[in-house]
C-alpha atoms as a PDB file:
ATOM      1  CA  UNK A   1      -9.037 -16.578  43.483  1.00  0.00           C
ATOM      2  CA  UNK A   2      -6.090 -18.616  42.257  1.00  0.00           C
ATOM      3  CA  UNK A   3      -3.893 -15.533  41.835  1.00  0.00           C
ATOM      4  CA  UNK A   4      -4.923 -14.317  45.289  1.00  0.00           C
ATOM      5  CA  UNK A   5      -4.110 -17.723  46.777  1.00  0.00           C
ATOM      6  CA  UNK A   6      -0.714 -17.771  45.046  1.00  0.00           C
ATOM      7  CA  UNK A   7       0.159 -14.291  46.364  1.00  0.00           C
ATOM      8  CA  UNK A   8      -0.788 -15.345  49.896  1.00  0.00           C
ATOM      9  CA  UNK A   9       1.307 -18.509  49.654  1.00  0.00           C
ATOM     10  CA  UNK A  10       4.337 -16.545  48.400  1.00  0.00           C
ATOM     11  CA  UNK A  11       4.080 -14.072  51.273  1.00  0.00           C
ATOM     12  CA  UNK A  12       3.757 -16.815  53.877  1.00  0.00           C
ATOM     13  CA  UNK A  13       6.693 -18.701  52.362  1.00  0.00           C
ATOM     14  CA  UNK A  14       8.807 -15.528  52.362  1.00  0.00           C
ATOM     15  CA  UNK A  15       7.938 -14.874  56.017  1.00  0.00           C
ATOM     16  CA  UNK A  16       9.030 -18.382  56.964  1.00  0.00           C
ATOM     17  CA  UNK A  17      12.243 -18.173  54.953  1.00  0.00           C
ATOM     18  CA  UNK A  18      13.670 -14.866  56.145  1.00  0.00           C
ATOM     19  CA  UNK A  19      13.799 -12.343  58.952  1.00  0.00           C
ATOM     20  CA  UNK A  20      14.210  -9.536  56.386  1.00  0.00           C
ATOM     21  CA  UNK A  21      10.985  -7.517  56.703  1.00  0.00           C
ATOM     22  CA  UNK A  22      12.044  -5.179  53.895  1.00  0.00           C
ATOM     23  CA  UNK A  23      11.802  -8.010  51.400  1.00  0.00           C
ATOM     24  CA  UNK A  24       8.304  -8.845  52.618  1.00  0.00           C
ATOM     25  CA  UNK A  25       6.906  -5.487  51.524  1.00  0.00           C
ATOM     26  CA  UNK A  26       7.112  -6.569  47.874  1.00  0.00           C
ATOM     27  CA  UNK A  27       5.062  -9.704  48.576  1.00  0.00           C
ATOM     28  CA  UNK A  28       2.667  -7.790  50.819  1.00  0.00           C
ATOM     29  CA  UNK A  29       2.074  -5.181  48.107  1.00  0.00           C
ATOM     30  CA  UNK A  30       1.365  -7.926  45.558  1.00  0.00           C
ATOM     31  CA  UNK A  31      -1.131  -9.520  47.947  1.00  0.00           C
ATOM     32  CA  UNK A  32      -2.857  -6.188  48.578  1.00  0.00           C
ATOM     33  CA  UNK A  33      -3.141  -5.430  44.855  1.00  0.00           C
ATOM     34  CA  UNK A  34      -4.450  -8.923  44.099  1.00  0.00           C
ATOM     35  CA  UNK A  35      -6.969  -8.795  46.946  1.00  0.00           C
ATOM     36  CA  UNK A  36      -8.249  -5.326  46.043  1.00  0.00           C
ATOM     37  CA  UNK A  37      -8.689  -6.344  42.394  1.00  0.00           C
ATOM     38  CA  UNK A  38     -10.498  -9.531  43.395  1.00  0.00           C
ATOM     39  CA  UNK A  39     -12.875  -7.753  45.770  1.00  0.00           C
ATOM     40  CA  UNK A  40     -13.618  -5.027  43.205  1.00  0.00           C
ATOM     41  CA  UNK A  41     -14.560  -7.639  40.618  1.00  0.00           C
ATOM     42  CA  UNK A  42     -16.073 -10.488  42.685  1.00  0.00           C
ATOM     43  CA  UNK A  43     -16.882  -9.207  46.160  1.00  0.00           C
ATOM     44  CA  UNK A  44     -15.430 -10.466  49.424  1.00  0.00           C
ATOM     45  CA  UNK A  45     -13.776 -13.877  49.567  1.00  0.00           C
ATOM     46  CA  UNK A  46     -16.139 -14.879  52.380  1.00  0.00           C
ATOM     47  CA  UNK A  47     -19.269 -14.214  50.333  1.00  0.00           C
ATOM     48  CA  UNK A  48     -21.284 -17.363  49.665  1.00  0.00           C
ATOM     49  CA  UNK A  49     -20.708 -17.472  45.876  1.00  0.00           C
ATOM     50  CA  UNK A  50     -16.943 -17.165  46.272  1.00  0.00           C
ATOM     51  CA  UNK A  51     -16.800 -19.820  48.988  1.00  0.00           C
ATOM     52  CA  UNK A  52     -18.825 -22.174  46.800  1.00  0.00           C
ATOM     53  CA  UNK A  53     -16.536 -21.601  43.815  1.00  0.00           C
ATOM     54  CA  UNK A  54     -13.521 -22.790  45.832  1.00  0.00           C
ATOM     55  CA  UNK A  55     -15.207 -25.306  48.162  1.00  0.00           C
ATOM     56  CA  UNK A  56     -13.243 -28.281  46.803  1.00  0.00           C
ATOM     57  CA  UNK A  57      -9.888 -26.513  47.016  1.00  0.00           C
ATOM     58  CA  UNK A  58      -7.801 -27.405  50.085  1.00  0.00           C
ATOM     59  CA  UNK A  59      -6.634 -23.785  50.247  1.00  0.00           C
ATOM     60  CA  UNK A  60     -10.115 -22.369  50.901  1.00  0.00           C
ATOM     61  CA  UNK A  61      -9.315 -21.918  54.624  1.00  0.00           C
ATOM     62  CA  UNK A  62      -6.203 -19.937  53.649  1.00  0.00           C
ATOM     63  CA  UNK A  63      -8.280 -17.678  51.402  1.00  0.00           C
ATOM     64  CA  UNK A  64     -10.962 -17.209  54.043  1.00  0.00           C
ATOM     65  CA  UNK A  65      -8.292 -16.302  56.600  1.00  0.00           C
ATOM     66  CA  UNK A  66      -7.320 -13.289  54.493  1.00  0.00           C
ATOM     67  CA  UNK A  67     -10.443 -11.544  55.749  1.00  0.00           C
ATOM     68  CA  UNK A  68     -11.918 -10.772  59.125  1.00  0.00           C
ATOM     69  CA  UNK A  69     -15.572 -11.412  58.329  1.00  0.00           C
ATOM     70  CA  UNK A  70     -18.487  -9.744  60.128  1.00  0.00           C
ATOM     71  CA  UNK A  71     -21.524 -11.998  59.841  1.00  0.00           C
ATOM     72  CA  UNK A  72     -23.883  -9.291  61.096  1.00  0.00           C
ATOM     73  CA  UNK A  73     -22.750  -6.666  58.595  1.00  0.00           C
ATOM     74  CA  UNK A  74     -21.874  -9.114  55.799  1.00  0.00           C
ATOM     75  CA  UNK A  75     -18.643  -7.154  55.361  1.00  0.00           C
ATOM     76  CA  UNK A  76     -14.990  -7.991  55.621  1.00  0.00           C
ATOM     77  CA  UNK A  77     -11.819  -6.189  56.476  1.00  0.00           C
ATOM     78  CA  UNK A  78      -8.311  -7.249  55.615  1.00  0.00           C
ATOM     79  CA  UNK A  79      -6.561  -9.616  58.008  1.00  0.00           C
ATOM     80  CA  UNK A  80      -3.278  -8.641  59.724  1.00  0.00           C
ATOM     81  CA  UNK A  81      -1.158 -10.408  57.061  1.00  0.00           C
ATOM     82  CA  UNK A  82      -1.804  -7.435  54.764  1.00  0.00           C
ATOM     83  CA  UNK A  83       0.056  -5.034  57.041  1.00  0.00           C
ATOM     84  CA  UNK A  84       2.521  -6.951  59.189  1.00  0.00           C
ATOM     85  CA  UNK A  85       4.436 -10.193  59.633  1.00  0.00           C
ATOM     86  CA  UNK A  86       2.216 -13.021  60.824  1.00  0.00           C
ATOM     87  CA  UNK A  87       4.727 -15.874  60.732  1.00  0.00           C
ATOM     88  CA  UNK A  88       8.306 -16.034  61.850  1.00  0.00           C
ATOM     89  CA  UNK A  89      11.284 -17.439  60.073  1.00  0.00           C
ATOM     90  CA  UNK A  90      12.100 -21.007  61.022  1.00  0.00           C
ATOM     91  CA  UNK A  91      14.984 -21.261  63.445  1.00  0.00           C
ATOM     92  CA  UNK A  92      16.422 -24.701  63.994  1.00  0.00           C
ATOM     93  CA  UNK A  93      16.801 -25.610  67.662  1.00  0.00           C
ATOM     94  CA  UNK A  94      20.483 -25.993  68.451  1.00  0.00           C
ATOM     95  CA  UNK A  95      20.428 -26.865  72.138  1.00  0.00           C
ATOM     96  CA  UNK A  96      18.171 -28.667  74.619  1.00  0.00           C
ATOM     97  CA  UNK A  97      18.586 -28.901  78.373  1.00  0.00           C
ATOM     98  CA  UNK A  98      17.268 -32.451  78.710  1.00  0.00           C
ATOM     99  CA  UNK A  99      16.715 -35.570  76.589  1.00  0.00           C
ATOM    100  CA  UNK A 100      12.907 -35.213  76.842  1.00  0.00           C
ATOM    101  CA  UNK A 101      13.218 -31.710  75.349  1.00  0.00           C
ATOM    102  CA  UNK A 102      15.358 -33.115  72.521  1.00  0.00           C
ATOM    103  CA  UNK A 103      12.712 -35.770  71.922  1.00  0.00           C
ATOM    104  CA  UNK A 104      10.042 -33.058  71.681  1.00  0.00           C
ATOM    105  CA  UNK A 105      12.146 -31.174  69.139  1.00  0.00           C
ATOM    106  CA  UNK A 106      12.581 -34.329  67.063  1.00  0.00           C
ATOM    107  CA  UNK A 107       8.838 -34.977  67.106  1.00  0.00           C
ATOM    108  CA  UNK A 108       8.002 -31.370  66.258  1.00  0.00           C
ATOM    109  CA  UNK A 109      10.416 -31.247  63.339  1.00  0.00           C
ATOM    110  CA  UNK A 110       9.877 -34.704  61.857  1.00  0.00           C
ATOM    111  CA  UNK A 111       6.717 -36.102  63.444  1.00  0.00           C
ATOM    112  CA  UNK A 112       8.811 -39.083  64.463  1.00  0.00           C
ATOM    113  CA  UNK A 113      11.716 -40.041  66.695  1.00  0.00           C
ATOM    114  CA  UNK A 114      15.036 -39.311  64.963  1.00  0.00           C
ATOM    115  CA  UNK A 115      17.844 -40.578  67.211  1.00  0.00           C
ATOM    116  CA  UNK A 116      20.576 -38.657  65.378  1.00  0.00           C
ATOM    117  CA  UNK A 117      18.661 -35.382  65.781  1.00  0.00           C
ATOM    118  CA  UNK A 118      18.103 -36.077  69.490  1.00  0.00           C
ATOM    119  CA  UNK A 119      21.829 -36.771  69.876  1.00  0.00           C
ATOM    120  CA  UNK A 120      22.672 -33.384  68.355  1.00  0.00           C
END
């Protein structure tokens, strides 16, 4: 599961860092290969034994989100991240109409009031 988690993290990081979707195909392929190998050997990530094995890891929700789990069928299908972009590249806000909007940007970016950022 660690390799699968690492592949997912790399893809998410690449999505956030760039708008270049061509580059993402390499990371997406690595995630697909890792996921398919894991499922072939261990079963679905959402199966009870696999969830238990990673229950103390803070990335368990990330791993579980890689599958769309059907409780009735006890089957999973791959989540959208395996086939398309699910996160956009970060774009820094360069203009706000009002001071309250600038305050919201400061809070969203830093979780605190940053007067110099608001002044920008």
